[in-house]
């Protein structure tokens, strides 16, 4: 998770903001803007978007950063448009053209046939222009120096791959995929399978699970609301526990709550070993995350109570 620094004079504010990241801005720059506007003590984003991509960037503020690893693991959903016949160094319009090829005749039927090999569990070689590190250095730094290093293929899952438009030299897709999937690489591999080369010309993240259908907040709107005070901004934050709606909820009585917030395990017969859950107090306050183990409920990630 990309993290912002703790800042002097900041305030304790917790929740998840569904930012609509604008084009031309890095995810870290967007995060720093949000932290500044909320004057949050700490924050982080959960899955970077390239500067030339827009769309949903969940930002966890305060105690919500304790849930960020599960949002990082969540499936992502994109709309992408690709241009055939030209490959760029970065796999998108930001990079210089490094290859040009003829574009073979391609209709929806041929494209659909090619897409079949990219649905389900596939292996993908990460691009050089990525934040993955080699000997402590991001690959994109090496790429900018003209260096290319071997990258091991990684397993990813493409759960949805649908054609939404096709033209002579371009096509558009809707993609649902697992964490770690590089859409730029997917487009390049599809273009190669079509007998050409290609790059991404438009990429928008529609949503991140479990936030399908939820409104995103543009950065310009945040800046306008900031002029009205923190209360207007805080109303945009989603409750932390909504990040894990599929986890079972456990409600404790007053005595149990007192024990668990002090790190003590509770007797809990019937719990499924290793299963995780959301923990609530008798009043309905979200306490944190727990895990069942050998008839016990163990505290795992507890929220600081203000």
Protein backbone atom coordinates (compact mmCIF):
# COMPACT_ATOMS: atom_id res chain seq x y z
CA UNK A 1 0.00 0.00 0.00
CA UNK A 2 1.27 3.46 -0.86
CA UNK A 3 1.55 5.41 2.39
CA UNK A 4 1.60 9.05 3.32
CA UNK A 5 3.84 10.42 6.06
CA UNK A 6 2.57 11.29 9.52
CA UNK A 7 2.42 15.04 9.75
CA UNK A 8 2.72 17.46 12.66
CA UNK A 9 -0.50 19.27 13.48
CA UNK A 10 -2.58 16.61 11.77
CA UNK A 11 -5.78 15.10 13.13
CA UNK A 12 -7.11 11.61 13.81
CA UNK A 13 -9.61 10.78 11.09
CA UNK A 14 -10.45 7.26 9.92
CA UNK A 15 -12.39 5.84 6.99
CA UNK A 16 -12.17 4.91 3.32
CA UNK A 17 -12.40 7.50 0.55
CA UNK A 18 -13.23 6.32 -2.97
CA UNK A 19 -11.23 8.84 -4.95
CA UNK A 20 -11.75 9.28 -8.68
CA UNK A 21 -8.09 9.72 -9.55
CA UNK A 22 -7.63 12.20 -12.40
CA UNK A 23 -5.54 11.65 -15.49
CA UNK A 24 -1.96 12.86 -15.39
CA UNK A 25 -1.45 12.41 -11.66
CA UNK A 26 0.42 9.61 -9.91
CA UNK A 27 -1.41 7.65 -7.25
CA UNK A 28 1.05 8.84 -4.62
CA UNK A 29 0.54 12.48 -5.58
CA UNK A 30 -3.23 11.97 -5.32
CA UNK A 31 -2.78 10.36 -1.91
CA UNK A 32 -0.70 13.28 -0.65
CA UNK A 33 -3.38 15.71 -1.83
CA UNK A 34 -6.08 13.80 0.05
CA UNK A 35 -3.98 13.62 3.22
CA UNK A 36 -3.34 17.36 2.99
CA UNK A 37 -7.01 18.25 2.47
CA UNK A 38 -8.21 16.03 5.31
CA UNK A 39 -5.18 16.97 7.42
CA UNK A 40 -5.06 13.25 8.22
CA UNK A 41 -2.42 11.83 10.53
CA UNK A 42 -1.79 8.90 8.21
CA UNK A 43 -3.13 7.37 5.03
CA UNK A 44 -2.40 5.05 2.15
CA UNK A 45 -3.82 3.97 -1.19
CA UNK A 46 -4.68 0.39 -2.01
CA UNK A 47 -3.38 -0.41 -5.47
CA UNK A 48 -1.69 2.19 -7.64
CA UNK A 49 -3.05 3.51 -10.91
CA UNK A 50 -0.67 4.74 -13.62
CA UNK A 51 -0.65 8.51 -14.18
CA UNK A 52 -2.39 7.99 -17.53
CA UNK A 53 -5.15 5.92 -15.91
CA UNK A 54 -8.17 7.32 -14.10
CA UNK A 55 -10.81 5.93 -11.81
CA UNK A 56 -11.36 4.38 -8.42
CA UNK A 57 -8.45 4.66 -6.01
CA UNK A 58 -9.54 3.61 -2.50
CA UNK A 59 -7.66 5.67 0.06
CA UNK A 60 -7.54 4.46 3.65
CA UNK A 61 -7.17 7.14 6.31
CA UNK A 62 -6.21 6.63 9.94
CA UNK A 63 -7.22 3.28 11.43
CA UNK A 64 -8.55 2.14 8.06
CA UNK A 65 -4.93 1.60 6.98
CA UNK A 66 -5.09 -1.58 9.09
CA UNK A 67 -7.53 -3.01 6.54
CA UNK A 68 -5.59 -1.97 3.46
CA UNK A 69 -3.94 -5.32 2.78
CA UNK A 70 -7.34 -6.90 2.10
CA UNK A 71 -8.29 -4.13 -0.31
CA UNK A 72 -4.96 -4.65 -2.06
CA UNK A 73 -5.95 -8.29 -2.55
CA UNK A 74 -9.37 -7.41 -3.98
CA UNK A 75 -10.33 -7.89 -7.63
CA UNK A 76 -10.16 -4.82 -9.85
CA UNK A 77 -12.46 -3.89 -12.75
CA UNK A 78 -11.38 -1.80 -15.75
CA UNK A 79 -12.42 -0.33 -19.07
CA UNK A 80 -9.52 -0.20 -21.54
CA UNK A 81 -8.97 0.86 -25.14
CA UNK A 82 -5.99 -0.40 -27.15
CA UNK A 83 -4.35 0.81 -30.36
CA UNK A 84 -2.97 -1.88 -32.66
CA UNK A 85 0.10 -1.58 -34.88
CA UNK A 86 2.27 0.48 -32.50
CA UNK A 87 4.13 -0.59 -29.36
CA UNK A 88 5.56 1.91 -26.89
CA UNK A 89 8.28 1.63 -24.27
CA UNK A 90 5.78 2.02 -21.44
CA UNK A 91 2.86 0.12 -22.94
CA UNK A 92 0.73 3.29 -23.03
CA UNK A 93 0.69 6.68 -24.73
CA UNK A 94 3.33 8.09 -22.37
CA UNK A 95 6.21 6.15 -23.90
CA UNK A 96 8.01 6.56 -27.18
CA UNK A 97 7.10 4.28 -30.06
CA UNK A 98 9.51 1.33 -30.15
CA UNK A 99 7.85 -0.90 -32.75
CA UNK A 100 5.41 -0.63 -35.63
CA UNK A 101 3.67 -3.51 -37.36
CA UNK A 102 0.93 -4.05 -39.88
CA UNK A 103 -2.53 -4.51 -38.43
CA UNK A 104 -4.10 -7.70 -39.75
CA UNK A 105 -7.78 -7.83 -40.54
CA UNK A 106 -9.54 -8.29 -37.23
CA UNK A 107 -13.25 -8.61 -36.63
CA UNK A 108 -15.13 -9.36 -33.43
CA UNK A 109 -15.11 -13.11 -34.11
CA UNK A 110 -11.31 -13.24 -34.44
CA UNK A 111 -10.78 -11.06 -31.41
CA UNK A 112 -13.15 -13.22 -29.36
CA UNK A 113 -11.24 -16.33 -30.40
CA UNK A 114 -7.95 -14.79 -29.26
CA UNK A 115 -9.42 -13.58 -25.96
CA UNK A 116 -10.30 -17.15 -25.02
CA UNK A 117 -6.65 -17.87 -24.19
CA UNK A 118 -6.55 -14.92 -21.79
CA UNK A 119 -9.58 -15.80 -19.68
CA UNK A 120 -9.18 -17.62 -16.38
CA UNK A 121 -5.81 -18.37 -14.76
CA UNK A 122 -2.90 -17.19 -16.91
CA UNK A 123 0.80 -16.42 -16.52
CA UNK A 124 1.92 -12.84 -17.09
CA UNK A 125 5.41 -11.34 -17.32
CA UNK A 126 5.44 -7.99 -15.46
CA UNK A 127 6.52 -4.99 -17.57
CA UNK A 128 9.80 -3.20 -17.10
CA UNK A 129 7.86 0.01 -16.44
CA UNK A 130 6.50 -1.18 -13.09
CA UNK A 131 7.17 -0.57 -9.41
CA UNK A 132 8.46 -4.10 -8.85
CA UNK A 133 11.98 -4.02 -7.44
CA UNK A 134 15.23 -5.67 -8.47
CA UNK A 135 18.12 -5.36 -5.99
CA UNK A 136 16.19 -2.65 -4.16
CA UNK A 137 15.50 -0.52 -7.26
CA UNK A 138 12.13 -0.17 -9.00
CA UNK A 139 12.13 -1.68 -12.46
CA UNK A 140 10.94 1.60 -13.99
CA UNK A 141 14.19 3.24 -12.89
CA UNK A 142 16.19 0.58 -14.69
CA UNK A 143 13.93 0.91 -17.73
CA UNK A 144 14.56 4.66 -17.89
CA UNK A 145 18.29 3.88 -17.99
CA UNK A 146 17.68 1.62 -20.98
CA UNK A 147 18.21 -1.57 -19.00
CA UNK A 148 16.10 -4.69 -19.36
CA UNK A 149 16.25 -7.49 -16.78
CA UNK A 150 14.60 -10.89 -16.76
CA UNK A 151 11.23 -11.05 -15.00
CA UNK A 152 9.61 -14.27 -13.87
CA UNK A 153 6.06 -14.91 -15.12
CA UNK A 154 3.43 -14.50 -12.41
CA UNK A 155 0.03 -16.15 -12.09
CA UNK A 156 -2.98 -13.83 -12.41
CA UNK A 157 -6.67 -14.46 -12.97
CA UNK A 158 -8.81 -12.75 -15.61
CA UNK A 159 -12.37 -13.43 -14.47
CA UNK A 160 -14.07 -11.24 -17.09
CA UNK A 161 -12.87 -10.14 -20.53
CA UNK A 162 -15.55 -8.64 -22.76
CA UNK A 163 -15.30 -6.79 -26.08
CA UNK A 164 -17.19 -3.49 -26.00
CA UNK A 165 -15.97 -2.01 -29.28
CA UNK A 166 -13.76 -2.91 -32.23
CA UNK A 167 -12.50 -0.77 -35.10
CA UNK A 168 -9.87 -1.14 -37.79
CA UNK A 169 -6.88 -0.38 -35.55
CA UNK A 170 -8.32 -0.43 -32.05
CA UNK A 171 -10.50 -2.36 -29.65
CA UNK A 172 -12.06 -1.73 -26.25
CA UNK A 173 -12.55 -4.23 -23.44
CA UNK A 174 -14.02 -4.56 -19.98
CA UNK A 175 -11.65 -6.47 -17.72
CA UNK A 176 -12.11 -7.95 -14.25
CA UNK A 177 -8.91 -9.33 -12.78
CA UNK A 178 -7.00 -10.36 -9.70
CA UNK A 179 -4.44 -8.25 -7.91
CA UNK A 180 -1.09 -7.93 -9.64
CA UNK A 181 -2.55 -7.92 -13.16
CA UNK A 182 -0.95 -5.43 -15.54
CA UNK A 183 -3.53 -4.26 -18.07
CA UNK A 184 -0.78 -2.79 -20.28
CA UNK A 185 0.85 -6.22 -20.50
CA UNK A 186 -2.51 -7.88 -21.14
CA UNK A 187 -3.12 -5.55 -24.08
CA UNK A 188 0.38 -6.16 -25.47
CA UNK A 189 -0.09 -9.93 -25.22
CA UNK A 190 -3.50 -9.80 -26.90
CA UNK A 191 -2.04 -7.68 -29.72
CA UNK A 192 0.79 -10.19 -30.17
CA UNK A 193 -1.72 -13.05 -30.33
CA UNK A 194 -3.51 -11.13 -33.09
CA UNK A 195 -0.25 -11.00 -35.05
CA UNK A 196 0.55 -7.36 -34.33
CA UNK A 197 1.67 -5.13 -31.50
CA UNK A 198 -0.22 -2.56 -29.45
CA UNK A 199 -0.49 -0.23 -26.51
CA UNK A 200 -3.09 1.21 -24.14
CA UNK A 201 -4.66 4.52 -25.15
CA UNK A 202 -7.29 4.72 -22.39
CA UNK A 203 -7.56 2.99 -19.04
CA UNK A 204 -10.17 3.60 -16.37
CA UNK A 205 -10.69 1.61 -13.20
CA UNK A 206 -14.45 1.20 -12.86
CA UNK A 207 -14.35 -0.15 -9.32
CA UNK A 208 -12.50 -2.19 -6.75
CA UNK A 209 -14.28 -4.96 -4.87
CA UNK A 210 -16.39 -4.60 -2.76
CA UNK A 211 -17.28 -1.08 -3.92
CA UNK A 212 -19.18 -1.77 -7.14
CA UNK A 213 -21.80 0.91 -7.78
CA UNK A 214 -20.42 3.28 -5.15
CA UNK A 215 -19.87 6.91 -6.08
CA UNK A 216 -16.31 8.12 -6.55
CA UNK A 217 -15.24 11.59 -5.44
CA UNK A 218 -13.24 13.75 -7.88
CA UNK A 219 -10.25 15.59 -6.45
CA UNK A 220 -11.75 18.91 -7.56
CA UNK A 221 -14.82 18.20 -5.42
CA UNK A 222 -12.62 17.47 -2.41
CA UNK A 223 -10.85 20.77 -2.88
CA UNK A 224 -14.19 22.62 -3.00
CA UNK A 225 -15.51 20.86 0.11
CA UNK A 226 -12.31 21.54 2.03
CA UNK A 227 -13.19 25.23 1.96
CA UNK A 228 -16.32 24.40 3.99
CA UNK A 229 -14.42 22.61 6.73
CA UNK A 230 -13.57 19.09 7.82
CA UNK A 231 -17.15 18.08 8.56
CA UNK A 232 -18.06 18.27 4.88
CA UNK A 233 -15.03 16.19 3.97
CA UNK A 234 -15.57 13.58 6.68
CA UNK A 235 -19.08 12.89 5.41
CA UNK A 236 -17.49 11.38 2.30
CA UNK A 237 -15.65 8.68 4.26
CA UNK A 238 -17.06 5.16 4.21
CA UNK A 239 -17.04 3.11 7.43
CA UNK A 240 -13.97 0.92 7.72
CA UNK A 241 -15.84 -2.36 8.17
CA UNK A 242 -17.60 -1.94 4.80
CA UNK A 243 -14.30 -2.98 3.21
CA UNK A 244 -14.94 -6.59 4.28
CA UNK A 245 -18.69 -7.23 3.89
CA UNK A 246 -18.19 -10.93 3.13
CA UNK A 247 -16.48 -11.60 6.48
CA UNK A 248 -18.84 -12.89 9.20
CA UNK A 249 -19.69 -10.47 11.98
CA UNK A 250 -19.28 -11.36 15.67
CA UNK A 251 -20.90 -9.27 18.41
CA UNK A 252 -19.38 -9.37 21.90
CA UNK A 253 -20.85 -8.49 25.27
CA UNK A 254 -19.28 -5.83 27.48
CA UNK A 255 -16.96 -8.22 29.33
CA UNK A 256 -15.80 -9.91 26.13
CA UNK A 257 -15.16 -6.56 24.47
CA UNK A 258 -13.02 -5.43 27.40
CA UNK A 259 -10.91 -8.58 27.13
CA UNK A 260 -10.44 -8.56 23.37
CA UNK A 261 -9.39 -4.90 23.20
CA UNK A 262 -6.62 -5.79 25.65
CA UNK A 263 -5.39 -8.51 23.31
CA UNK A 264 -6.88 -11.48 25.14
CA UNK A 265 -8.32 -14.52 23.34
CA UNK A 266 -11.92 -15.53 23.99
CA UNK A 267 -13.39 -19.01 24.25
CA UNK A 268 -15.41 -19.44 21.04
CA UNK A 269 -16.47 -23.01 20.31
CA UNK A 270 -17.83 -23.68 16.84
CA UNK A 271 -15.67 -21.20 14.98
CA UNK A 272 -14.07 -22.46 11.76
CA UNK A 273 -10.31 -22.71 12.25
CA UNK A 274 -8.35 -19.92 10.54
CA UNK A 275 -11.52 -18.14 9.40
CA UNK A 276 -11.48 -14.39 9.97
CA UNK A 277 -14.31 -12.17 11.17
CA UNK A 278 -15.34 -8.61 11.95
CA UNK A 279 -15.73 -7.92 15.67
CA UNK A 280 -18.33 -5.54 17.15
CA UNK A 281 -19.15 -4.40 20.65
CA UNK A 282 -22.62 -4.84 22.16
CA UNK A 283 -23.38 -1.25 21.10
CA UNK A 284 -22.48 -2.04 17.48
CA UNK A 285 -19.12 -0.28 17.43
CA UNK A 286 -16.57 -1.86 15.09
CA UNK A 287 -13.70 -3.11 17.26
CA UNK A 288 -11.49 -4.78 14.70
CA UNK A 289 -10.67 -8.09 13.06
CA UNK A 290 -10.42 -11.51 14.64
CA UNK A 291 -9.54 -15.07 13.73
CA UNK A 292 -10.91 -18.39 14.97
CA UNK A 293 -8.42 -21.01 16.11
CA UNK A 294 -8.96 -24.20 18.09
CA UNK A 295 -12.10 -23.04 19.85
CA UNK A 296 -10.78 -19.53 20.47
CA UNK A 297 -11.45 -16.10 19.00
CA UNK A 298 -8.14 -14.31 18.63
CA UNK A 299 -7.75 -10.54 18.13
CA UNK A 300 -5.83 -9.78 14.93
CA UNK A 301 -6.18 -6.11 13.97
CA UNK A 302 -7.82 -3.92 16.59
CA UNK A 303 -9.00 -0.37 16.00
CA UNK A 304 -7.98 2.36 18.39
CA UNK A 305 -11.07 3.66 20.14
CA UNK A 306 -11.28 7.44 20.42
